[in-house]
Amino acid sequence: DFQAIDVISHIPVMCEDSKIPYAYVPSKVDLGASSLTKRPTSIVLIKKHEDITEPYEECYDSIKALPLPI
């Protein structure tokens, strides 16, 4: 439900070029809530950290398993 799609339209191309999996979500409100913020969020980037390797790998593998958006 993001209105100014041109603001983030380059992100999928960058992700595909760098072989970084990505996914679209239907609601920026839900994305913000899952990021523990009260504000609607248009994009979330997750950086790998040595303290959370297992959850990161699970998230990475889950997103990578999704079909590419059309």
C-alpha atoms as a PDB file:
ATOM      1  CA  ASP A   1       0.000   0.000   0.000  1.00  0.00           C
ATOM      2  CA  PHE A   2       2.931   2.338  -0.681  1.00  0.00           C
ATOM      3  CA  GLN A   3       2.006   5.415  -2.732  1.00  0.00           C
ATOM      4  CA  ALA A   4       5.319   6.815  -4.032  1.00  0.00           C
ATOM      5  CA  ILE A   5       6.641   3.564  -5.514  1.00  0.00           C
ATOM      6  CA  ASP A   6       9.258   5.450  -7.541  1.00  0.00           C
ATOM      7  CA  VAL A   7      11.056   6.226  -4.263  1.00  0.00           C
ATOM      8  CA  ILE A   8      11.916   2.547  -3.765  1.00  0.00           C
ATOM      9  CA  SER A   9      11.553   1.165  -7.301  1.00  0.00           C
ATOM     10  CA  HIS A  10      15.329   0.766  -7.668  1.00  0.00           C
ATOM     11  CA  ILE A  11      15.605  -1.555  -4.651  1.00  0.00           C
ATOM     12  CA  PRO A  12      14.517  -4.799  -6.409  1.00  0.00           C
ATOM     13  CA  VAL A  13      17.051  -4.219  -9.203  1.00  0.00           C
ATOM     14  CA  MET A  14      19.827  -3.642  -6.674  1.00  0.00           C
ATOM     15  CA  CYS A  15      18.803  -6.749  -4.745  1.00  0.00           C
ATOM     16  CA  GLU A  16      18.697  -8.928  -7.855  1.00  0.00           C
ATOM     17  CA  ASP A  17      22.080  -7.621  -9.056  1.00  0.00           C
ATOM     18  CA  SER A  18      23.592  -8.411  -5.646  1.00  0.00           C
ATOM     19  CA  LYS A  19      21.733 -11.733  -5.268  1.00  0.00           C
ATOM     20  CA  ILE A  20      19.923 -10.493  -2.160  1.00  0.00           C
ATOM     21  CA  PRO A  21      16.453 -12.009  -1.687  1.00  0.00           C
ATOM     22  CA  TYR A  22      13.563  -9.595  -1.219  1.00  0.00           C
ATOM     23  CA  ALA A  23       9.810  -9.737  -0.796  1.00  0.00           C
ATOM     24  CA  TYR A  24       6.864  -7.388  -1.028  1.00  0.00           C
ATOM     25  CA  VAL A  25       4.403  -7.146   1.840  1.00  0.00           C
ATOM     26  CA  PRO A  26       0.802  -5.933   1.497  1.00  0.00           C
ATOM     27  CA  SER A  27       0.833  -3.355   4.291  1.00  0.00           C
ATOM     28  CA  LYS A  28       3.386  -0.772   5.386  1.00  0.00           C
ATOM     29  CA  VAL A  29       1.543  -0.598   8.720  1.00  0.00           C
ATOM     30  CA  ASP A  30       2.109  -4.333   9.293  1.00  0.00           C
ATOM     31  CA  LEU A  31       5.736  -4.018   8.193  1.00  0.00           C
ATOM     32  CA  GLY A  32       6.275  -1.188  10.660  1.00  0.00           C
ATOM     33  CA  ALA A  33       4.635  -3.162  13.455  1.00  0.00           C
ATOM     34  CA  SER A  34       6.800  -6.210  12.747  1.00  0.00           C
ATOM     35  CA  SER A  35       9.821  -3.890  12.931  1.00  0.00           C
ATOM     36  CA  LEU A  36       8.736  -2.787  16.419  1.00  0.00           C
ATOM     37  CA  THR A  37       7.861   0.746  15.367  1.00  0.00           C
ATOM     38  CA  LYS A  38       4.520   2.530  15.477  1.00  0.00           C
ATOM     39  CA  ARG A  39       5.187   4.221  12.136  1.00  0.00           C
ATOM     40  CA  PRO A  40       4.290   2.758   8.745  1.00  0.00           C
ATOM     41  CA  THR A  41       7.455   1.437   7.104  1.00  0.00           C
ATOM     42  CA  SER A  42       8.126   1.176   3.372  1.00  0.00           C
ATOM     43  CA  ILE A  43      11.267  -0.950   3.454  1.00  0.00           C
ATOM     44  CA  VAL A  44      13.224  -3.018   5.964  1.00  0.00           C
ATOM     45  CA  LEU A  45      16.792  -4.159   5.432  1.00  0.00           C
ATOM     46  CA  ILE A  46      18.194  -6.912   7.627  1.00  0.00           C
ATOM     47  CA  LYS A  47      21.929  -7.026   8.260  1.00  0.00           C
ATOM     48  CA  LYS A  48      23.584 -10.238   9.380  1.00  0.00           C
ATOM     49  CA  HIS A  49      25.094 -10.114  12.876  1.00  0.00           C
ATOM     50  CA  GLU A  50      27.175 -12.770  14.579  1.00  0.00           C
ATOM     51  CA  ASP A  51      24.836 -12.864  17.603  1.00  0.00           C
ATOM     52  CA  ILE A  52      21.750 -13.746  15.546  1.00  0.00           C
ATOM     53  CA  THR A  53      23.107 -16.030  12.833  1.00  0.00           C
ATOM     54  CA  GLU A  54      20.412 -18.706  13.104  1.00  0.00           C
ATOM     55  CA  PRO A  55      17.354 -16.386  12.963  1.00  0.00           C
ATOM     56  CA  TYR A  56      18.992 -14.442  10.149  1.00  0.00           C
ATOM     57  CA  GLU A  57      19.600 -17.615   8.121  1.00  0.00           C
ATOM     58  CA  GLU A  58      15.988 -18.732   8.682  1.00  0.00           C
ATOM     59  CA  CYS A  59      14.680 -15.376   7.475  1.00  0.00           C
ATOM     60  CA  TYR A  60      17.078 -15.338   4.511  1.00  0.00           C
ATOM     61  CA  ASP A  61      16.137 -18.872   3.445  1.00  0.00           C
ATOM     62  CA  SER A  62      12.399 -18.182   3.816  1.00  0.00           C
ATOM     63  CA  ILE A  63      12.559 -15.087   1.627  1.00  0.00           C
ATOM     64  CA  LYS A  64      14.832 -16.787  -0.899  1.00  0.00           C
ATOM     65  CA  ALA A  65      12.320 -19.646  -1.230  1.00  0.00           C
ATOM     66  CA  LEU A  66       9.525 -17.261  -2.278  1.00  0.00           C
ATOM     67  CA  PRO A  67       8.799 -16.896  -5.998  1.00  0.00           C
ATOM     68  CA  LEU A  68      10.166 -13.734  -7.592  1.00  0.00           C
ATOM     69  CA  PRO A  69       7.560 -10.962  -7.861  1.00  0.00           C
ATOM     70  CA  ILE A  70       6.245 -10.202 -11.318  1.00  0.00           C
END
